[in-house]
Amino acid sequence: MQQLNPSEISDIIRQRIDQLDVGSEARNEGTVVSVTDGIIRIHGLEDVMYGEMIEFDGGIYGMALNLER
């Protein structure tokens, strides 16, 4: 078994960290309460703004129009 010195270990760790592909995505999830005639009522989207486009599962988009609390 080959012995590594501390600087070689540090270099290996740096290379692994540099090669690490970490993605991040901001998400705000709510609960669908009802779906009728193309209107979806969702509870729990605290940070949504009027007119904001919302992405649903399957790549479907909708627009926030009524911001009841």
PDB file of N, CA and C in Angstrom:
ATOM      1  N   MET A   1       0.842  -1.185   0.000  1.00  0.00           N
ATOM      2  CA  MET A   1       0.000   0.000   0.000  1.00  0.00           C
ATOM      3  C   MET A   1       0.885   1.246   0.000  1.00  0.00           C
ATOM      4  N   GLN A   2       0.547   2.179  -0.845  1.00  0.00           N
ATOM      5  CA  GLN A   2       1.349   3.391  -0.993  1.00  0.00           C
ATOM      6  C   GLN A   2       1.040   4.369   0.139  1.00  0.00           C
ATOM      7  N   GLN A   3       2.073   4.953   0.687  1.00  0.00           N
ATOM      8  CA  GLN A   3       1.916   5.961   1.730  1.00  0.00           C
ATOM      9  C   GLN A   3       1.794   7.345   1.084  1.00  0.00           C
ATOM     10  N   LEU A   4       0.873   8.142   1.553  1.00  0.00           N
ATOM     11  CA  LEU A   4       0.700   9.504   1.052  1.00  0.00           C
ATOM     12  C   LEU A   4       1.122  10.483   2.133  1.00  0.00           C
ATOM     13  N   ASN A   5       1.769  11.549   1.704  1.00  0.00           N
ATOM     14  CA  ASN A   5       2.109  12.574   2.692  1.00  0.00           C
ATOM     15  C   ASN A   5       0.937  13.550   2.807  1.00  0.00           C
ATOM     16  N   PRO A   6       0.896  14.355   3.866  1.00  0.00           N
ATOM     17  CA  PRO A   6      -0.242  15.257   4.092  1.00  0.00           C
ATOM     18  C   PRO A   6      -0.529  16.213   2.936  1.00  0.00           C
ATOM     19  N   SER A   7       0.497  16.707   2.252  1.00  0.00           N
ATOM     20  CA  SER A   7       0.239  17.639   1.145  1.00  0.00           C
ATOM     21  C   SER A   7      -0.433  16.928  -0.028  1.00  0.00           C
ATOM     22  N   GLU A   8      -0.093  15.668  -0.263  1.00  0.00           N
ATOM     23  CA  GLU A   8      -0.753  14.904  -1.327  1.00  0.00           C
ATOM     24  C   GLU A   8      -2.218  14.655  -0.987  1.00  0.00           C
ATOM     25  N   ILE A   9      -2.473  14.372   0.273  1.00  0.00           N
ATOM     26  CA  ILE A   9      -3.862  14.165   0.713  1.00  0.00           C
ATOM     27  C   ILE A   9      -4.662  15.450   0.515  1.00  0.00           C
ATOM     28  N   SER A  10      -4.064  16.583   0.891  1.00  0.00           N
ATOM     29  CA  SER A  10      -4.743  17.874   0.709  1.00  0.00           C
ATOM     30  C   SER A  10      -5.028  18.144  -0.761  1.00  0.00           C
ATOM     31  N   ASP A  11      -4.061  17.834  -1.627  1.00  0.00           N
ATOM     32  CA  ASP A  11      -4.257  18.036  -3.067  1.00  0.00           C
ATOM     33  C   ASP A  11      -5.393  17.167  -3.603  1.00  0.00           C
ATOM     34  N   ILE A  12      -5.447  15.929  -3.163  1.00  0.00           N
ATOM     35  CA  ILE A  12      -6.514  15.022  -3.601  1.00  0.00           C
ATOM     36  C   ILE A  12      -7.874  15.545  -3.154  1.00  0.00           C
ATOM     37  N   ILE A  13      -7.951  16.002  -1.909  1.00  0.00           N
ATOM     38  CA  ILE A  13      -9.220  16.538  -1.385  1.00  0.00           C
ATOM     39  C   ILE A  13      -9.631  17.782  -2.173  1.00  0.00           C
ATOM     40  N   ARG A  14      -8.684  18.686  -2.452  1.00  0.00           N
ATOM     41  CA  ARG A  14      -8.999  19.895  -3.233  1.00  0.00           C
ATOM     42  C   ARG A  14      -9.517  19.536  -4.623  1.00  0.00           C
ATOM     43  N   GLN A  15      -8.866  18.567  -5.267  1.00  0.00           N
ATOM     44  CA  GLN A  15      -9.308  18.143  -6.600  1.00  0.00           C
ATOM     45  C   GLN A  15     -10.722  17.576  -6.555  1.00  0.00           C
ATOM     46  N   ARG A  16     -11.005  16.776  -5.549  1.00  0.00           N
ATOM     47  CA  ARG A  16     -12.354  16.200  -5.432  1.00  0.00           C
ATOM     48  C   ARG A  16     -13.394  17.287  -5.195  1.00  0.00           C
ATOM     49  N   ILE A  17     -13.063  18.265  -4.365  1.00  0.00           N
ATOM     50  CA  ILE A  17     -13.996  19.364  -4.092  1.00  0.00           C
ATOM     51  C   ILE A  17     -14.220  20.185  -5.359  1.00  0.00           C
ATOM     52  N   ASP A  18     -13.144  20.462  -6.103  1.00  0.00           N
ATOM     53  CA  ASP A  18     -13.273  21.232  -7.350  1.00  0.00           C
ATOM     54  C   ASP A  18     -14.123  20.503  -8.386  1.00  0.00           C
ATOM     55  N   GLN A  19     -14.083  19.186  -8.389  1.00  0.00           N
ATOM     56  CA  GLN A  19     -14.838  18.390  -9.358  1.00  0.00           C
ATOM     57  C   GLN A  19     -16.274  18.131  -8.911  1.00  0.00           C
ATOM     58  N   LEU A  20     -16.579  18.467  -7.680  1.00  0.00           N
ATOM     59  CA  LEU A  20     -17.910  18.220  -7.139  1.00  0.00           C
ATOM     60  C   LEU A  20     -18.929  19.116  -7.830  1.00  0.00           C
ATOM     61  N   ASP A  21     -19.988  18.532  -8.335  1.00  0.00           N
ATOM     62  CA  ASP A  21     -21.047  19.279  -9.014  1.00  0.00           C
ATOM     63  C   ASP A  21     -22.243  19.382  -8.076  1.00  0.00           C
ATOM     64  N   VAL A  22     -22.348  20.535  -7.439  1.00  0.00           N
ATOM     65  CA  VAL A  22     -23.435  20.755  -6.491  1.00  0.00           C
ATOM     66  C   VAL A  22     -24.355  21.818  -7.070  1.00  0.00           C
ATOM     67  N   GLY A  23     -25.582  21.452  -7.319  1.00  0.00           N
ATOM     68  CA  GLY A  23     -26.558  22.407  -7.820  1.00  0.00           C
ATOM     69  C   GLY A  23     -27.526  22.788  -6.708  1.00  0.00           C
ATOM     70  N   SER A  24     -28.064  23.960  -6.808  1.00  0.00           N
ATOM     71  CA  SER A  24     -29.068  24.369  -5.830  1.00  0.00           C
ATOM     72  C   SER A  24     -30.252  24.982  -6.564  1.00  0.00           C
ATOM     73  N   GLU A  25     -31.385  24.883  -5.956  1.00  0.00           N
ATOM     74  CA  GLU A  25     -32.605  25.394  -6.561  1.00  0.00           C
ATOM     75  C   GLU A  25     -33.504  25.902  -5.443  1.00  0.00           C
ATOM     76  N   ALA A  26     -33.953  27.127  -5.582  1.00  0.00           N
ATOM     77  CA  ALA A  26     -34.886  27.676  -4.608  1.00  0.00           C
ATOM     78  C   ALA A  26     -36.263  27.096  -4.874  1.00  0.00           C
ATOM     79  N   ARG A  27     -36.907  26.645  -3.826  1.00  0.00           N
ATOM     80  CA  ARG A  27     -38.236  26.057  -3.979  1.00  0.00           C
ATOM     81  C   ARG A  27     -39.163  26.613  -2.912  1.00  0.00           C
ATOM     82  N   ASN A  28     -40.377  26.818  -3.298  1.00  0.00           N
ATOM     83  CA  ASN A  28     -41.429  27.204  -2.376  1.00  0.00           C
ATOM     84  C   ASN A  28     -42.603  26.309  -2.722  1.00  0.00           C
ATOM     85  N   GLU A  29     -42.953  25.403  -1.841  1.00  0.00           N
ATOM     86  CA  GLU A  29     -43.979  24.413  -2.150  1.00  0.00           C
ATOM     87  C   GLU A  29     -45.247  24.688  -1.362  1.00  0.00           C
ATOM     88  N   GLY A  30     -46.376  24.398  -2.001  1.00  0.00           N
ATOM     89  CA  GLY A  30     -47.665  24.539  -1.360  1.00  0.00           C
ATOM     90  C   GLY A  30     -48.473  23.269  -1.526  1.00  0.00           C
ATOM     91  N   THR A  31     -49.697  23.303  -1.032  1.00  0.00           N
ATOM     92  CA  THR A  31     -50.594  22.153  -1.105  1.00  0.00           C
ATOM     93  C   THR A  31     -51.777  22.496  -1.997  1.00  0.00           C
ATOM     94  N   VAL A  32     -52.015  21.669  -3.015  1.00  0.00           N
ATOM     95  CA  VAL A  32     -53.156  21.882  -3.906  1.00  0.00           C
ATOM     96  C   VAL A  32     -54.421  21.490  -3.153  1.00  0.00           C
ATOM     97  N   VAL A  33     -55.349  22.451  -3.038  1.00  0.00           N
ATOM     98  CA  VAL A  33     -56.600  22.229  -2.315  1.00  0.00           C
ATOM     99  C   VAL A  33     -57.710  21.813  -3.268  1.00  0.00           C
ATOM    100  N   SER A  34     -57.777  22.452  -4.441  1.00  0.00           N
ATOM    101  CA  SER A  34     -58.811  22.088  -5.409  1.00  0.00           C
ATOM    102  C   SER A  34     -58.367  22.463  -6.819  1.00  0.00           C
ATOM    103  N   VAL A  35     -58.937  21.749  -7.791  1.00  0.00           N
ATOM    104  CA  VAL A  35     -58.698  22.025  -9.207  1.00  0.00           C
ATOM    105  C   VAL A  35     -60.053  21.991  -9.895  1.00  0.00           C
ATOM    106  N   THR A  36     -60.501  23.150 -10.433  1.00  0.00           N
ATOM    107  CA  THR A  36     -61.782  23.219 -11.134  1.00  0.00           C
ATOM    108  C   THR A  36     -61.682  24.214 -12.283  1.00  0.00           C
ATOM    109  N   ASP A  37     -62.146  23.816 -13.456  1.00  0.00           N
ATOM    110  CA  ASP A  37     -62.220  24.697 -14.628  1.00  0.00           C
ATOM    111  C   ASP A  37     -60.930  25.480 -14.871  1.00  0.00           C
ATOM    112  N   GLY A  38     -59.784  24.839 -14.719  1.00  0.00           N
ATOM    113  CA  GLY A  38     -58.512  25.502 -14.967  1.00  0.00           C
ATOM    114  C   GLY A  38     -58.036  26.398 -13.843  1.00  0.00           C
ATOM    115  N   ILE A  39     -58.759  26.399 -12.729  1.00  0.00           N
ATOM    116  CA  ILE A  39     -58.367  27.208 -11.573  1.00  0.00           C
ATOM    117  C   ILE A  39     -57.882  26.269 -10.478  1.00  0.00           C
ATOM    118  N   ILE A  40     -56.688  26.541  -9.991  1.00  0.00           N
ATOM    119  CA  ILE A  40     -56.099  25.705  -8.947  1.00  0.00           C
ATOM    120  C   ILE A  40     -55.965  26.542  -7.688  1.00  0.00           C
ATOM    121  N   ARG A  41     -56.522  26.049  -6.594  1.00  0.00           N
ATOM    122  CA  ARG A  41     -56.387  26.720  -5.297  1.00  0.00           C
ATOM    123  C   ARG A  41     -55.270  26.028  -4.529  1.00  0.00           C
ATOM    124  N   ILE A  42     -54.303  26.834  -4.089  1.00  0.00           N
ATOM    125  CA  ILE A  42     -53.127  26.306  -3.404  1.00  0.00           C
ATOM    126  C   ILE A  42     -52.956  27.042  -2.080  1.00  0.00           C
ATOM    127  N   HIS A  43     -52.681  26.296  -1.034  1.00  0.00           N
ATOM    128  CA  HIS A  43     -52.362  26.891   0.263  1.00  0.00           C
ATOM    129  C   HIS A  43     -50.891  26.654   0.554  1.00  0.00           C
ATOM    130  N   GLY A  44     -50.245  27.622   1.205  1.00  0.00           N
ATOM    131  CA  GLY A  44     -48.875  27.438   1.662  1.00  0.00           C
ATOM    132  C   GLY A  44     -47.803  28.119   0.842  1.00  0.00           C
ATOM    133  N   LEU A  45     -48.173  28.847  -0.209  1.00  0.00           N
ATOM    134  CA  LEU A  45     -47.167  29.582  -0.989  1.00  0.00           C
ATOM    135  C   LEU A  45     -47.035  30.984  -0.395  1.00  0.00           C
ATOM    136  N   GLU A  46     -46.297  31.083   0.689  1.00  0.00           N
ATOM    137  CA  GLU A  46     -46.207  32.329   1.447  1.00  0.00           C
ATOM    138  C   GLU A  46     -45.489  33.451   0.694  1.00  0.00           C
ATOM    139  N   ASP A  47     -44.516  33.123  -0.143  1.00  0.00           N
ATOM    140  CA  ASP A  47     -43.688  34.152  -0.774  1.00  0.00           C
ATOM    141  C   ASP A  47     -44.089  34.479  -2.207  1.00  0.00           C
ATOM    142  N   VAL A  48     -45.209  33.959  -2.685  1.00  0.00           N
ATOM    143  CA  VAL A  48     -45.614  34.202  -4.070  1.00  0.00           C
ATOM    144  C   VAL A  48     -46.149  35.632  -4.208  1.00  0.00           C
ATOM    145  N   MET A  49     -45.907  36.231  -5.381  1.00  0.00           N
ATOM    146  CA  MET A  49     -46.373  37.588  -5.649  1.00  0.00           C
ATOM    147  C   MET A  49     -47.429  37.557  -6.748  1.00  0.00           C
ATOM    148  N   TYR A  50     -48.281  38.574  -6.779  1.00  0.00           N
ATOM    149  CA  TYR A  50     -49.322  38.684  -7.793  1.00  0.00           C
ATOM    150  C   TYR A  50     -48.682  38.692  -9.181  1.00  0.00           C
ATOM    151  N   GLY A  51     -49.202  37.875 -10.083  1.00  0.00           N
ATOM    152  CA  GLY A  51     -48.703  37.806 -11.446  1.00  0.00           C
ATOM    153  C   GLY A  51     -47.504  36.894 -11.632  1.00  0.00           C
ATOM    154  N   GLU A  52     -47.008  36.316 -10.561  1.00  0.00           N
ATOM    155  CA  GLU A  52     -45.837  35.437 -10.651  1.00  0.00           C
ATOM    156  C   GLU A  52     -46.208  34.124 -11.328  1.00  0.00           C
ATOM    157  N   MET A  53     -45.313  33.637 -12.174  1.00  0.00           N
ATOM    158  CA  MET A  53     -45.514  32.350 -12.832  1.00  0.00           C
ATOM    159  C   MET A  53     -45.123  31.245 -11.859  1.00  0.00           C
ATOM    160  N   ILE A  54     -45.981  30.250 -11.743  1.00  0.00           N
ATOM    161  CA  ILE A  54     -45.771  29.124 -10.835  1.00  0.00           C
ATOM    162  C   ILE A  54     -45.634  27.867 -11.673  1.00  0.00           C
ATOM    163  N   GLU A  55     -44.613  27.072 -11.387  1.00  0.00           N
ATOM    164  CA  GLU A  55     -44.408  25.822 -12.124  1.00  0.00           C
ATOM    165  C   GLU A  55     -44.966  24.663 -11.316  1.00  0.00           C
ATOM    166  N   PHE A  56     -45.794  23.850 -11.977  1.00  0.00           N
ATOM    167  CA  PHE A  56     -46.358  22.653 -11.375  1.00  0.00           C
ATOM    168  C   PHE A  56     -45.609  21.433 -11.893  1.00  0.00           C
ATOM    169  N   ASP A  57     -45.832  20.289 -11.263  1.00  0.00           N
ATOM    170  CA  ASP A  57     -45.228  19.047 -11.742  1.00  0.00           C
ATOM    171  C   ASP A  57     -45.608  18.823 -13.198  1.00  0.00           C
ATOM    172  N   GLY A  58     -44.699  18.261 -13.953  1.00  0.00           N
ATOM    173  CA  GLY A  58     -44.961  17.966 -15.352  1.00  0.00           C
ATOM    174  C   GLY A  58     -44.685  19.133 -16.283  1.00  0.00           C
ATOM    175  N   GLY A  59     -44.084  20.210 -15.772  1.00  0.00           N
ATOM    176  CA  GLY A  59     -43.735  21.340 -16.622  1.00  0.00           C
ATOM    177  C   GLY A  59     -44.893  22.253 -16.958  1.00  0.00           C
ATOM    178  N   ILE A  60     -45.991  22.166 -16.223  1.00  0.00           N
ATOM    179  CA  ILE A  60     -47.160  23.020 -16.449  1.00  0.00           C
ATOM    180  C   ILE A  60     -46.990  24.295 -15.627  1.00  0.00           C
ATOM    181  N   TYR A  61     -47.334  25.447 -16.232  1.00  0.00           N
ATOM    182  CA  TYR A  61     -47.202  26.728 -15.552  1.00  0.00           C
ATOM    183  C   TYR A  61     -48.568  27.354 -15.313  1.00  0.00           C
ATOM    184  N   GLY A  62     -48.648  28.133 -14.252  1.00  0.00           N
ATOM    185  CA  GLY A  62     -49.844  28.898 -13.948  1.00  0.00           C
ATOM    186  C   GLY A  62     -49.429  30.269 -13.442  1.00  0.00           C
ATOM    187  N   MET A  63     -50.402  31.165 -13.301  1.00  0.00           N
ATOM    188  CA  MET A  63     -50.108  32.517 -12.831  1.00  0.00           C
ATOM    189  C   MET A  63     -50.877  32.793 -11.538  1.00  0.00           C
ATOM    190  N   ALA A  64     -50.184  33.357 -10.561  1.00  0.00           N
ATOM    191  CA  ALA A  64     -50.811  33.712  -9.288  1.00  0.00           C
ATOM    192  C   ALA A  64     -51.657  34.967  -9.492  1.00  0.00           C
ATOM    193  N   LEU A  65     -52.963  34.846  -9.249  1.00  0.00           N
ATOM    194  CA  LEU A  65     -53.859  35.984  -9.470  1.00  0.00           C
ATOM    195  C   LEU A  65     -54.575  36.449  -8.213  1.00  0.00           C
ATOM    196  N   ASN A  66     -54.845  35.574  -7.286  1.00  0.00           N
ATOM    197  CA  ASN A  66     -55.581  35.945  -6.086  1.00  0.00           C
ATOM    198  C   ASN A  66     -54.756  35.516  -4.883  1.00  0.00           C
ATOM    199  N   LEU A  67     -54.339  36.473  -4.075  1.00  0.00           N
ATOM    200  CA  LEU A  67     -53.438  36.184  -2.960  1.00  0.00           C
ATOM    201  C   LEU A  67     -54.159  36.294  -1.625  1.00  0.00           C
ATOM    202  N   GLU A  68     -55.176  35.487  -1.432  1.00  0.00           N
ATOM    203  CA  GLU A  68     -55.912  35.494  -0.166  1.00  0.00           C
ATOM    204  C   GLU A  68     -55.033  34.958   0.947  1.00  0.00           C
ATOM    205  N   ARG A  69     -55.265  35.424   2.147  1.00  0.00           N
ATOM    206  CA  ARG A  69     -54.550  34.899   3.322  1.00  0.00           C
ATOM    207  C   ARG A  69     -55.522  34.208   4.221  1.00  0.00           C
TER     208      ARG A  69
END
